[in-house]
Amino acid sequence: MPSTYTLSLSVIAYGFRYRAPIKLSSLYFTPRHFHYHHRLTLSQSPPFYATALFLRCHLPNTQFFTGNSLFSRMEVMRWTLLLPLTSILFYVSQQRFWTGSGITKNKKMVEHLQNHGVIRSKKVAEVMETIDRALFVPEDSPPYMDSPVQIGYNATISAPHMHATCLELLENHLKPGMYALDVGSGTGYLTACFAIMVGPQGRAVGVEHIPELVEISLQNIQKSAAAPLLKEGSLVLHTGDGRLGWPEHAPYDAIHVGAAAPEIPQALIEQLKPGGRLVIPVGNIFQDLQVVDKNVDGSVSIRSETSVRYVPLTSRDAQLRG
């Protein structure tokens, strides 16, 4: 293939969004678009860098992604390299990612994410150290492994690196005194992080449509460093359809959605304060983490941050049916 052609790939992985040490075993790629480029530009950890050179392909975003969609093994994608008269299918044996499965302390998990460049903000590191993830995952699950974890009711808690990513994207909209909305709050982890960041003068609102998860999240938060904020009322949790937002406390400086919507719900844009930011995964098979900024005049700017894989944002009944 001429070097002026490069291939844009979506990689859906059970691994990291960041550059972690990887061990080659099997990975398949599926082409989505052709782009014109004058040269290959790969920035990657050495094992994958060598593999990518062998395949002579270019990854626009050279990191791997995990949202809250759980895979028992790494989900693989087929990659086809198009030539004028031939299609060549490359198979690169199975890949496993080192996910920090040996980490047994919350602080070590945060340090792990810092070492791999996921957490760059001192504030985000402090908040994730303050809110112990172990309090928000089932007791029989490894709390600090960088992977989504099943929490029942066909729901998951997102991988730590995705929580860190969303906190960094929203950091400037989670200042003390600001208002934040967490749609699909699950076991309450990210809502608790929001509450710590906005403080007692602000408000963190979690919306979850599974009543049992709301009750679990209340119990979890009561055991965490965010318990005083829950007691004081600056942290609140509601049972409801998060696609409709929560108008009672709107407008919000920050809105986070923990499941993938086919399109951005208009209600969430309407409840976003001018100058505010919404972070939401959008798509079905192929998903992007989209960042929506509302301008002072009420118009919105939307950009895609990275490729992700999340469970769908849907109705309660559809979720329970699986």
C-alpha atoms as a PDB file:
ATOM      1  CA  MET A   1       0.000   0.000   0.000  1.00  0.00           C
ATOM      2  CA  PRO A   2       1.342   3.492  -0.792  1.00  0.00           C
ATOM      3  CA  SER A   3       2.444   5.326   2.313  1.00  0.00           C
ATOM      4  CA  THR A   4       0.130   8.206   1.394  1.00  0.00           C
ATOM      5  CA  TYR A   5      -2.826   6.063   2.389  1.00  0.00           C
ATOM      6  CA  THR A   6      -3.449   5.283   6.001  1.00  0.00           C
ATOM      7  CA  LEU A   7      -6.164   3.416   7.707  1.00  0.00           C
ATOM      8  CA  SER A   8      -8.341   4.761  10.514  1.00  0.00           C
ATOM      9  CA  LEU A   9      -9.212   2.011  12.897  1.00  0.00           C
ATOM     10  CA  SER A  10     -11.578   1.628  15.790  1.00  0.00           C
ATOM     11  CA  VAL A  11     -10.131  -0.561  18.480  1.00  0.00           C
ATOM     12  CA  ILE A  12     -12.465  -1.960  21.070  1.00  0.00           C
ATOM     13  CA  ALA A  13     -10.466  -3.614  23.788  1.00  0.00           C
ATOM     14  CA  TYR A  14     -10.721  -5.111  27.180  1.00  0.00           C
ATOM     15  CA  GLY A  15      -7.672  -3.135  28.158  1.00  0.00           C
ATOM     16  CA  PHE A  16      -6.412   0.356  28.722  1.00  0.00           C
ATOM     17  CA  ARG A  17      -7.056   3.694  27.135  1.00  0.00           C
ATOM     18  CA  TYR A  18      -3.442   4.487  27.802  1.00  0.00           C
ATOM     19  CA  ARG A  19      -0.082   3.096  26.836  1.00  0.00           C
ATOM     20  CA  ALA A  20       0.297   0.032  28.991  1.00  0.00           C
ATOM     21  CA  PRO A  21       2.865  -2.741  28.556  1.00  0.00           C
ATOM     22  CA  ILE A  22       1.242  -5.347  26.346  1.00  0.00           C
ATOM     23  CA  LYS A  23       1.919  -8.929  25.439  1.00  0.00           C
ATOM     24  CA  LEU A  24       1.232  -9.991  21.874  1.00  0.00           C
ATOM     25  CA  SER A  25      -1.284 -12.728  21.368  1.00  0.00           C
ATOM     26  CA  SER A  26      -4.410 -11.914  19.121  1.00  0.00           C
ATOM     27  CA  LEU A  27      -5.888  -8.716  17.809  1.00  0.00           C
ATOM     28  CA  TYR A  28      -8.026  -8.078  14.773  1.00  0.00           C
ATOM     29  CA  PHE A  29      -8.723  -4.736  13.131  1.00  0.00           C
ATOM     30  CA  THR A  30     -11.641  -3.563  11.054  1.00  0.00           C
ATOM     31  CA  PRO A  31     -11.163  -0.647   8.652  1.00  0.00           C
ATOM     32  CA  ARG A  32     -13.631   2.210   8.888  1.00  0.00           C
ATOM     33  CA  HIS A  33     -12.262   5.046   6.769  1.00  0.00           C
ATOM     34  CA  PHE A  34      -9.369   5.842   4.502  1.00  0.00           C
ATOM     35  CA  HIS A  35      -7.481   9.056   5.103  1.00  0.00           C
ATOM     36  CA  TYR A  36      -4.709  10.699   3.176  1.00  0.00           C
ATOM     37  CA  HIS A  37      -1.493  11.076   5.095  1.00  0.00           C
ATOM     38  CA  HIS A  38       2.006  11.770   3.928  1.00  0.00           C
ATOM     39  CA  ARG A  39       3.706   9.543   6.405  1.00  0.00           C
ATOM     40  CA  LEU A  40       3.092   7.103   9.207  1.00  0.00           C
ATOM     41  CA  THR A  41       3.010   8.697  12.648  1.00  0.00           C
ATOM     42  CA  LEU A  42       2.919   6.102  15.384  1.00  0.00           C
ATOM     43  CA  SER A  43       3.421   6.824  19.057  1.00  0.00           C
ATOM     44  CA  GLN A  44       2.971   3.641  20.989  1.00  0.00           C
ATOM     45  CA  SER A  45       4.547   1.271  23.415  1.00  0.00           C
ATOM     46  CA  PRO A  46       7.338  -0.737  21.718  1.00  0.00           C
ATOM     47  CA  PRO A  47       5.530  -4.099  21.250  1.00  0.00           C
ATOM     48  CA  PHE A  48       2.551  -2.540  19.529  1.00  0.00           C
ATOM     49  CA  TYR A  49       4.734  -0.072  17.660  1.00  0.00           C
ATOM     50  CA  ALA A  50       6.538  -2.963  16.012  1.00  0.00           C
ATOM     51  CA  THR A  51       3.252  -4.681  15.213  1.00  0.00           C
ATOM     52  CA  ALA A  52       1.795  -1.519  13.715  1.00  0.00           C
ATOM     53  CA  LEU A  53       4.855  -1.054  11.522  1.00  0.00           C
ATOM     54  CA  PHE A  54       4.487  -4.597  10.318  1.00  0.00           C
ATOM     55  CA  LEU A  55       0.861  -3.955   9.409  1.00  0.00           C
ATOM     56  CA  ARG A  56       1.822  -0.568   7.891  1.00  0.00           C
ATOM     57  CA  CYS A  57      -1.249   1.091   9.351  1.00  0.00           C
ATOM     58  CA  HIS A  58      -1.815   4.327  11.227  1.00  0.00           C
ATOM     59  CA  LEU A  59      -3.920   4.664  14.346  1.00  0.00           C
ATOM     60  CA  PRO A  60      -5.273   8.219  14.678  1.00  0.00           C
ATOM     61  CA  ASN A  61      -5.630   7.666  18.408  1.00  0.00           C
ATOM     62  CA  THR A  62      -2.935   5.285  19.501  1.00  0.00           C
ATOM     63  CA  GLN A  63      -4.430   4.330  22.816  1.00  0.00           C
ATOM     64  CA  PHE A  64      -6.756   1.509  23.783  1.00  0.00           C
ATOM     65  CA  PHE A  65     -10.157   2.051  25.242  1.00  0.00           C
ATOM     66  CA  THR A  66     -12.498   0.552  27.766  1.00  0.00           C
ATOM     67  CA  GLY A  67     -15.740   2.094  28.952  1.00  0.00           C
ATOM     68  CA  ASN A  68     -18.147   0.130  31.084  1.00  0.00           C
ATOM     69  CA  SER A  69     -18.878  -2.630  28.587  1.00  0.00           C
ATOM     70  CA  LEU A  70     -17.518  -5.830  30.087  1.00  0.00           C
ATOM     71  CA  PHE A  71     -15.697  -8.488  28.087  1.00  0.00           C
ATOM     72  CA  SER A  72     -14.785 -11.883  29.567  1.00  0.00           C
ATOM     73  CA  ARG A  73     -11.853 -11.934  27.158  1.00  0.00           C
ATOM     74  CA  MET A  74     -10.525  -9.225  24.916  1.00  0.00           C
ATOM     75  CA  GLU A  75     -13.054  -8.484  22.202  1.00  0.00           C
ATOM     76  CA  VAL A  76     -11.285  -8.676  18.847  1.00  0.00           C
ATOM     77  CA  MET A  77     -11.938  -6.914  15.578  1.00  0.00           C
ATOM     78  CA  ARG A  78     -11.017  -8.052  12.088  1.00  0.00           C
ATOM     79  CA  TRP A  79      -8.619  -5.880  10.170  1.00  0.00           C
ATOM     80  CA  THR A  80      -8.541  -5.946   6.389  1.00  0.00           C
ATOM     81  CA  LEU A  81      -5.897  -4.143   4.374  1.00  0.00           C
ATOM     82  CA  LEU A  82      -7.240  -3.152   0.959  1.00  0.00           C
ATOM     83  CA  LEU A  83      -4.951  -3.394  -2.063  1.00  0.00           C
ATOM     84  CA  PRO A  84      -5.905  -2.593  -5.692  1.00  0.00           C
ATOM     85  CA  LEU A  85      -6.702  -6.221  -6.590  1.00  0.00           C
ATOM     86  CA  THR A  86      -6.432  -8.092  -3.323  1.00  0.00           C
ATOM     87  CA  SER A  87      -7.638  -8.087   0.247  1.00  0.00           C
ATOM     88  CA  ILE A  88      -5.157  -9.359   2.789  1.00  0.00           C
ATOM     89  CA  LEU A  89      -6.356 -10.394   6.205  1.00  0.00           C
ATOM     90  CA  PHE A  90      -3.779 -10.164   8.964  1.00  0.00           C
ATOM     91  CA  TYR A  91      -4.210 -12.147  12.115  1.00  0.00           C
ATOM     92  CA  VAL A  92      -2.115 -11.167  15.047  1.00  0.00           C
ATOM     93  CA  SER A  93      -2.493 -13.704  17.873  1.00  0.00           C
ATOM     94  CA  GLN A  94      -4.539 -12.978  20.972  1.00  0.00           C
ATOM     95  CA  GLN A  95      -3.706  -9.888  23.060  1.00  0.00           C
ATOM     96  CA  ARG A  96      -3.924  -9.515  26.761  1.00  0.00           C
ATOM     97  CA  PHE A  97      -3.373  -6.263  28.500  1.00  0.00           C
ATOM     98  CA  TRP A  98      -1.727  -5.846  31.839  1.00  0.00           C
ATOM     99  CA  THR A  99      -4.488  -4.221  33.836  1.00  0.00           C
ATOM    100  CA  GLY A 100      -2.826  -3.879  37.197  1.00  0.00           C
ATOM    101  CA  SER A 101      -4.622  -6.955  38.547  1.00  0.00           C
ATOM    102  CA  GLY A 102      -2.069  -7.271  41.347  1.00  0.00           C
ATOM    103  CA  ILE A 103      -2.900  -3.867  42.815  1.00  0.00           C
ATOM    104  CA  THR A 104      -4.465  -4.136  46.267  1.00  0.00           C
ATOM    105  CA  LYS A 105      -4.577  -0.509  47.421  1.00  0.00           C
ATOM    106  CA  ASN A 106      -6.641   2.398  46.136  1.00  0.00           C
ATOM    107  CA  LYS A 107      -3.633   4.728  46.247  1.00  0.00           C
ATOM    108  CA  LYS A 108      -1.600   2.258  44.175  1.00  0.00           C
ATOM    109  CA  MET A 109      -4.387   2.172  41.580  1.00  0.00           C
ATOM    110  CA  VAL A 110      -4.206   5.958  41.274  1.00  0.00           C
ATOM    111  CA  GLU A 111      -0.412   5.850  41.017  1.00  0.00           C
ATOM    112  CA  HIS A 112      -0.742   3.189  38.315  1.00  0.00           C
ATOM    113  CA  LEU A 113      -2.991   5.493  36.286  1.00  0.00           C
ATOM    114  CA  GLN A 114      -0.602   8.382  36.828  1.00  0.00           C
ATOM    115  CA  ASN A 115       2.386   6.321  35.711  1.00  0.00           C
ATOM    116  CA  HIS A 116       0.630   5.470  32.459  1.00  0.00           C
ATOM    117  CA  GLY A 117      -0.371   9.051  31.746  1.00  0.00           C
ATOM    118  CA  VAL A 118      -4.101   8.659  32.323  1.00  0.00           C
ATOM    119  CA  ILE A 119      -4.209  10.952  35.345  1.00  0.00           C
ATOM    120  CA  ARG A 120      -2.339  14.200  34.815  1.00  0.00           C
ATOM    121  CA  SER A 121      -4.323  16.416  37.151  1.00  0.00           C
ATOM    122  CA  LYS A 122      -3.281  16.647  40.777  1.00  0.00           C
ATOM    123  CA  LYS A 123      -6.887  17.397  41.769  1.00  0.00           C
ATOM    124  CA  VAL A 124      -8.265  14.306  40.020  1.00  0.00           C
ATOM    125  CA  ALA A 125      -5.584  12.153  41.682  1.00  0.00           C
ATOM    126  CA  GLU A 126      -6.513  13.566  45.096  1.00  0.00           C
ATOM    127  CA  VAL A 127     -10.224  12.919  44.566  1.00  0.00           C
ATOM    128  CA  MET A 128      -9.712   9.347  43.359  1.00  0.00           C
ATOM    129  CA  GLU A 129      -7.466   8.690  46.349  1.00  0.00           C
ATOM    130  CA  THR A 130     -10.124  10.151  48.662  1.00  0.00           C
ATOM    131  CA  ILE A 131     -12.980   8.008  47.309  1.00  0.00           C
ATOM    132  CA  ASP A 132     -11.986   4.362  47.718  1.00  0.00           C
ATOM    133  CA  ARG A 133     -13.225   2.385  44.706  1.00  0.00           C
ATOM    134  CA  ALA A 134     -13.406  -0.792  46.815  1.00  0.00           C
ATOM    135  CA  LEU A 135     -16.491   0.592  48.556  1.00  0.00           C
ATOM    136  CA  PHE A 136     -18.358   0.767  45.233  1.00  0.00           C
ATOM    137  CA  VAL A 137     -17.772  -2.674  43.687  1.00  0.00           C
ATOM    138  CA  PRO A 138     -19.182  -6.035  44.809  1.00  0.00           C
ATOM    139  CA  GLU A 139     -17.115  -7.676  47.538  1.00  0.00           C
ATOM    140  CA  ASP A 140     -16.138 -10.659  45.384  1.00  0.00           C
ATOM    141  CA  SER A 141     -14.715  -8.443  42.589  1.00  0.00           C
ATOM    142  CA  PRO A 142     -11.166  -7.070  42.313  1.00  0.00           C
ATOM    143  CA  PRO A 143     -11.744  -3.372  43.090  1.00  0.00           C
ATOM    144  CA  TYR A 144      -8.524  -1.893  41.719  1.00  0.00           C
ATOM    145  CA  MET A 145      -8.128  -3.790  38.463  1.00  0.00           C
ATOM    146  CA  ASP A 146      -8.463  -1.426  35.500  1.00  0.00           C
ATOM    147  CA  SER A 147     -11.535  -3.089  34.108  1.00  0.00           C
ATOM    148  CA  PRO A 148     -15.297  -2.567  34.221  1.00  0.00           C
ATOM    149  CA  VAL A 149     -17.000  -4.678  36.888  1.00  0.00           C
ATOM    150  CA  GLN A 150     -20.472  -6.178  36.884  1.00  0.00           C
ATOM    151  CA  ILE A 151     -22.704  -4.704  39.586  1.00  0.00           C
ATOM    152  CA  GLY A 152     -25.892  -6.639  38.811  1.00  0.00           C
ATOM    153  CA  TYR A 153     -29.054  -5.699  36.900  1.00  0.00           C
ATOM    154  CA  ASN A 154     -27.111  -5.908  33.598  1.00  0.00           C
ATOM    155  CA  ALA A 155     -25.075  -2.903  34.688  1.00  0.00           C
ATOM    156  CA  THR A 156     -21.386  -2.285  35.315  1.00  0.00           C
ATOM    157  CA  ILE A 157     -19.145   0.204  37.034  1.00  0.00           C
ATOM    158  CA  SER A 158     -16.726   1.695  34.512  1.00  0.00           C
ATOM    159  CA  ALA A 159     -13.017   0.956  34.490  1.00  0.00           C
ATOM    160  CA  PRO A 160     -10.898   3.296  36.647  1.00  0.00           C
ATOM    161  CA  HIS A 161      -9.165   4.817  33.625  1.00  0.00           C
ATOM    162  CA  MET A 162     -12.519   5.915  32.196  1.00  0.00           C
ATOM    163  CA  HIS A 163     -13.519   7.502  35.488  1.00  0.00           C
ATOM    164  CA  ALA A 164     -10.190   9.332  35.505  1.00  0.00           C
ATOM    165  CA  THR A 165     -10.658  10.434  31.895  1.00  0.00           C
ATOM    166  CA  CYS A 166     -14.128  11.837  32.545  1.00  0.00           C
ATOM    167  CA  LEU A 167     -13.023  13.587  35.736  1.00  0.00           C
ATOM    168  CA  GLU A 168     -10.180  15.274  33.861  1.00  0.00           C
ATOM    169  CA  LEU A 169     -12.503  16.348  31.042  1.00  0.00           C
ATOM    170  CA  LEU A 170     -14.909  17.849  33.572  1.00  0.00           C
ATOM    171  CA  GLU A 171     -12.410  19.176  36.125  1.00  0.00           C
ATOM    172  CA  ASN A 172     -12.860  22.855  35.250  1.00  0.00           C
ATOM    173  CA  HIS A 173     -16.630  22.414  35.566  1.00  0.00           C
ATOM    174  CA  LEU A 174     -16.430  20.764  38.982  1.00  0.00           C
ATOM    175  CA  LYS A 175     -15.079  23.679  40.970  1.00  0.00           C
ATOM    176  CA  PRO A 176     -16.360  24.358  44.507  1.00  0.00           C
ATOM    177  CA  GLY A 177     -19.917  25.661  44.414  1.00  0.00           C
ATOM    178  CA  MET A 178     -20.746  24.235  40.977  1.00  0.00           C
ATOM    179  CA  TYR A 179     -23.572  21.825  40.112  1.00  0.00           C
ATOM    180  CA  ALA A 180     -22.975  18.385  38.572  1.00  0.00           C
ATOM    181  CA  LEU A 181     -25.285  15.692  37.217  1.00  0.00           C
ATOM    182  CA  ASP A 182     -24.287  12.019  36.937  1.00  0.00           C
ATOM    183  CA  VAL A 183     -26.635  10.076  34.644  1.00  0.00           C
ATOM    184  CA  GLY A 184     -26.588   6.333  35.225  1.00  0.00           C
ATOM    185  CA  SER A 185     -24.934   6.730  38.596  1.00  0.00           C
ATOM    186  CA  GLY A 186     -24.813   2.973  39.284  1.00  0.00           C
ATOM    187  CA  THR A 187     -23.141   2.254  42.621  1.00  0.00           C
ATOM    188  CA  GLY A 188     -22.436   5.949  43.215  1.00  0.00           C
ATOM    189  CA  TYR A 189     -18.664   6.123  42.712  1.00  0.00           C
ATOM    190  CA  LEU A 190     -18.424   8.979  40.243  1.00  0.00           C
ATOM    191  CA  THR A 191     -21.243  10.902  41.936  1.00  0.00           C
ATOM    192  CA  ALA A 192     -19.228  10.741  45.153  1.00  0.00           C
ATOM    193  CA  CYS A 193     -16.151  12.040  43.311  1.00  0.00           C
ATOM    194  CA  PHE A 194     -18.220  14.910  41.901  1.00  0.00           C
ATOM    195  CA  ALA A 195     -19.476  15.760  45.383  1.00  0.00           C
ATOM    196  CA  ILE A 196     -15.943  15.961  46.782  1.00  0.00           C
ATOM    197  CA  MET A 197     -14.925  18.285  43.935  1.00  0.00           C
ATOM    198  CA  VAL A 198     -17.893  20.691  44.109  1.00  0.00           C
ATOM    199  CA  GLY A 199     -17.924  20.660  47.906  1.00  0.00           C
ATOM    200  CA  PRO A 200     -20.703  21.582  50.352  1.00  0.00           C
ATOM    201  CA  GLN A 201     -21.489  24.837  48.516  1.00  0.00           C
ATOM    202  CA  GLY A 202     -22.152  22.936  45.299  1.00  0.00           C
ATOM    203  CA  ARG A 203     -24.427  20.044  44.436  1.00  0.00           C
ATOM    204  CA  ALA A 204     -23.798  16.595  42.973  1.00  0.00           C
ATOM    205  CA  VAL A 205     -26.886  14.817  41.647  1.00  0.00           C
ATOM    206  CA  GLY A 206     -26.967  11.147  40.698  1.00  0.00           C
ATOM    207  CA  VAL A 207     -29.794   9.657  38.626  1.00  0.00           C
ATOM    208  CA  GLU A 208     -30.200   5.890  38.278  1.00  0.00           C
ATOM    209  CA  HIS A 209     -33.266   4.055  36.983  1.00  0.00           C
ATOM    210  CA  ILE A 210     -32.678   0.827  38.946  1.00  0.00           C
ATOM    211  CA  PRO A 211     -34.054   1.458  42.472  1.00  0.00           C
ATOM    212  CA  GLU A 212     -31.954  -1.324  43.967  1.00  0.00           C
ATOM    213  CA  LEU A 213     -28.772   0.321  42.674  1.00  0.00           C
ATOM    214  CA  VAL A 214     -29.841   3.648  44.157  1.00  0.00           C
ATOM    215  CA  GLU A 215     -30.188   1.958  47.539  1.00  0.00           C
ATOM    216  CA  ILE A 216     -26.799   0.263  47.141  1.00  0.00           C
ATOM    217  CA  SER A 217     -25.165   3.545  46.160  1.00  0.00           C
ATOM    218  CA  LEU A 218     -26.582   5.274  49.232  1.00  0.00           C
ATOM    219  CA  GLN A 219     -25.081   2.564  51.435  1.00  0.00           C
ATOM    220  CA  ASN A 220     -21.746   2.809  49.623  1.00  0.00           C
ATOM    221  CA  ILE A 221     -21.531   6.592  49.924  1.00  0.00           C
ATOM    222  CA  GLN A 222     -22.397   6.450  53.613  1.00  0.00           C
ATOM    223  CA  LYS A 223     -19.208   4.395  54.121  1.00  0.00           C
ATOM    224  CA  SER A 224     -17.085   6.778  52.047  1.00  0.00           C
ATOM    225  CA  ALA A 225     -15.423  10.163  52.513  1.00  0.00           C
ATOM    226  CA  ALA A 226     -18.463  11.726  50.795  1.00  0.00           C
ATOM    227  CA  ALA A 227     -20.819  10.673  53.609  1.00  0.00           C
ATOM    228  CA  PRO A 228     -20.957  14.154  55.248  1.00  0.00           C
ATOM    229  CA  LEU A 229     -21.968  15.699  51.908  1.00  0.00           C
ATOM    230  CA  LEU A 230     -24.780  13.160  51.573  1.00  0.00           C
ATOM    231  CA  LYS A 231     -25.962  13.993  55.085  1.00  0.00           C
ATOM    232  CA  GLU A 232     -25.811  17.737  54.446  1.00  0.00           C
ATOM    233  CA  GLY A 233     -27.764  17.410  51.190  1.00  0.00           C
ATOM    234  CA  SER A 234     -25.161  18.653  48.722  1.00  0.00           C
ATOM    235  CA  LEU A 235     -24.986  15.091  47.369  1.00  0.00           C
ATOM    236  CA  VAL A 236     -28.340  13.616  46.325  1.00  0.00           C
ATOM    237  CA  LEU A 237     -29.383  10.447  44.508  1.00  0.00           C
ATOM    238  CA  HIS A 238     -32.645   9.931  42.644  1.00  0.00           C
ATOM    239  CA  THR A 239     -34.422   7.061  40.924  1.00  0.00           C
ATOM    240  CA  GLY A 240     -35.440   8.103  37.424  1.00  0.00           C
ATOM    241  CA  ASP A 241     -34.824   8.002  33.698  1.00  0.00           C
ATOM    242  CA  GLY A 242     -31.501   9.761  33.315  1.00  0.00           C
ATOM    243  CA  ARG A 243     -32.171  10.441  29.634  1.00  0.00           C
ATOM    244  CA  LEU A 244     -34.528  13.151  30.909  1.00  0.00           C
ATOM    245  CA  GLY A 245     -31.874  14.580  33.219  1.00  0.00           C
ATOM    246  CA  TRP A 246     -33.023  15.987  36.562  1.00  0.00           C
ATOM    247  CA  PRO A 247     -34.632  19.411  35.999  1.00  0.00           C
ATOM    248  CA  GLU A 248     -35.126  20.156  39.705  1.00  0.00           C
ATOM    249  CA  HIS A 249     -31.475  21.131  40.230  1.00  0.00           C
ATOM    250  CA  ALA A 250     -30.700  22.380  36.705  1.00  0.00           C
ATOM    251  CA  PRO A 251     -28.855  24.055  35.139  1.00  0.00           C
ATOM    252  CA  TYR A 252     -25.641  22.079  35.612  1.00  0.00           C
ATOM    253  CA  ASP A 253     -22.037  23.099  35.128  1.00  0.00           C
ATOM    254  CA  ALA A 254     -21.083  19.475  34.455  1.00  0.00           C
ATOM    255  CA  ILE A 255     -23.071  16.497  33.187  1.00  0.00           C
ATOM    256  CA  HIS A 256     -21.660  12.996  32.860  1.00  0.00           C
ATOM    257  CA  VAL A 257     -23.455  10.064  31.241  1.00  0.00           C
ATOM    258  CA  GLY A 258     -22.279   6.555  32.083  1.00  0.00           C
ATOM    259  CA  ALA A 259     -23.890   4.679  29.178  1.00  0.00           C
ATOM    260  CA  ALA A 260     -23.892   5.071  25.406  1.00  0.00           C
ATOM    261  CA  ALA A 261     -26.776   6.949  23.828  1.00  0.00           C
ATOM    262  CA  PRO A 262     -27.642   6.543  20.133  1.00  0.00           C
ATOM    263  CA  GLU A 263     -27.731  10.340  20.045  1.00  0.00           C
ATOM    264  CA  ILE A 264     -27.284  13.095  22.616  1.00  0.00           C
ATOM    265  CA  PRO A 265     -30.535  13.553  24.598  1.00  0.00           C
ATOM    266  CA  GLN A 266     -31.890  17.054  24.043  1.00  0.00           C
ATOM    267  CA  ALA A 267     -33.014  17.272  27.668  1.00  0.00           C
ATOM    268  CA  LEU A 268     -29.411  17.068  28.835  1.00  0.00           C
ATOM    269  CA  ILE A 269     -28.312  19.861  26.510  1.00  0.00           C
ATOM    270  CA  GLU A 270     -31.187  22.004  27.755  1.00  0.00           C
ATOM    271  CA  GLN A 271     -30.192  21.405  31.391  1.00  0.00           C
ATOM    272  CA  LEU A 272     -26.557  22.322  30.723  1.00  0.00           C
ATOM    273  CA  LYS A 273     -25.595  25.780  31.953  1.00  0.00           C
ATOM    274  CA  PRO A 274     -24.042  28.201  29.425  1.00  0.00           C
ATOM    275  CA  GLY A 275     -20.329  27.661  29.867  1.00  0.00           C
ATOM    276  CA  GLY A 276     -21.014  24.104  31.062  1.00  0.00           C
ATOM    277  CA  ARG A 277     -19.796  20.777  29.692  1.00  0.00           C
ATOM    278  CA  LEU A 278     -21.465  17.429  28.994  1.00  0.00           C
ATOM    279  CA  VAL A 279     -19.415  14.243  28.551  1.00  0.00           C
ATOM    280  CA  ILE A 280     -21.341  11.369  26.972  1.00  0.00           C
ATOM    281  CA  PRO A 281     -20.569   8.201  24.989  1.00  0.00           C
ATOM    282  CA  VAL A 282     -22.525   8.200  21.721  1.00  0.00           C
ATOM    283  CA  GLY A 283     -23.067   5.408  19.229  1.00  0.00           C
ATOM    284  CA  ASN A 284     -24.110   1.795  18.908  1.00  0.00           C
ATOM    285  CA  ILE A 285     -21.488  -0.606  17.536  1.00  0.00           C
ATOM    286  CA  PHE A 286     -18.933   2.160  17.117  1.00  0.00           C
ATOM    287  CA  GLN A 287     -18.975   4.620  19.994  1.00  0.00           C
ATOM    288  CA  ASP A 288     -17.171   7.885  20.701  1.00  0.00           C
ATOM    289  CA  LEU A 289     -16.841   9.744  23.955  1.00  0.00           C
ATOM    290  CA  GLN A 290     -18.229  13.125  22.968  1.00  0.00           C
ATOM    291  CA  VAL A 291     -17.553  16.405  24.744  1.00  0.00           C
ATOM    292  CA  VAL A 292     -20.367  18.953  24.459  1.00  0.00           C
ATOM    293  CA  ASP A 293     -19.631  22.541  25.473  1.00  0.00           C
ATOM    294  CA  LYS A 294     -22.483  25.027  25.729  1.00  0.00           C
ATOM    295  CA  ASN A 295     -21.472  28.530  24.711  1.00  0.00           C
ATOM    296  CA  VAL A 296     -22.656  31.690  26.422  1.00  0.00           C
ATOM    297  CA  ASP A 297     -25.160  32.346  23.594  1.00  0.00           C
ATOM    298  CA  GLY A 298     -26.704  28.890  24.099  1.00  0.00           C
ATOM    299  CA  SER A 299     -25.133  27.262  21.053  1.00  0.00           C
ATOM    300  CA  VAL A 300     -23.151  24.062  21.519  1.00  0.00           C
ATOM    301  CA  SER A 301     -19.800  22.790  20.299  1.00  0.00           C
ATOM    302  CA  ILE A 302     -19.282  19.037  20.048  1.00  0.00           C
ATOM    303  CA  ARG A 303     -16.052  17.099  19.633  1.00  0.00           C
ATOM    304  CA  SER A 304     -15.081  13.450  19.924  1.00  0.00           C
ATOM    305  CA  GLU A 305     -12.496  12.745  22.589  1.00  0.00           C
ATOM    306  CA  THR A 306     -11.809   9.059  21.965  1.00  0.00           C
ATOM    307  CA  SER A 307     -13.324   5.730  20.938  1.00  0.00           C
ATOM    308  CA  VAL A 308     -15.010   3.812  23.740  1.00  0.00           C
ATOM    309  CA  ARG A 309     -17.258   0.859  24.434  1.00  0.00           C
ATOM    310  CA  TYR A 310     -20.130   1.340  26.916  1.00  0.00           C
ATOM    311  CA  VAL A 311     -23.355  -0.471  27.712  1.00  0.00           C
ATOM    312  CA  PRO A 312     -26.370   1.218  26.065  1.00  0.00           C
ATOM    313  CA  LEU A 313     -28.326   4.070  27.631  1.00  0.00           C
ATOM    314  CA  THR A 314     -31.810   2.646  27.542  1.00  0.00           C
ATOM    315  CA  SER A 315     -35.019   2.189  29.521  1.00  0.00           C
ATOM    316  CA  ARG A 316     -35.111   0.310  32.801  1.00  0.00           C
ATOM    317  CA  ASP A 317     -37.145  -2.557  31.312  1.00  0.00           C
ATOM    318  CA  ALA A 318     -34.843  -2.909  28.314  1.00  0.00           C
ATOM    319  CA  GLN A 319     -31.806  -2.989  30.582  1.00  0.00           C
ATOM    320  CA  LEU A 320     -33.272  -5.657  32.840  1.00  0.00           C
ATOM    321  CA  ARG A 321     -34.199  -7.783  29.817  1.00  0.00           C
ATOM    322  CA  GLY A 322     -30.573  -7.528  28.701  1.00  0.00           C
END
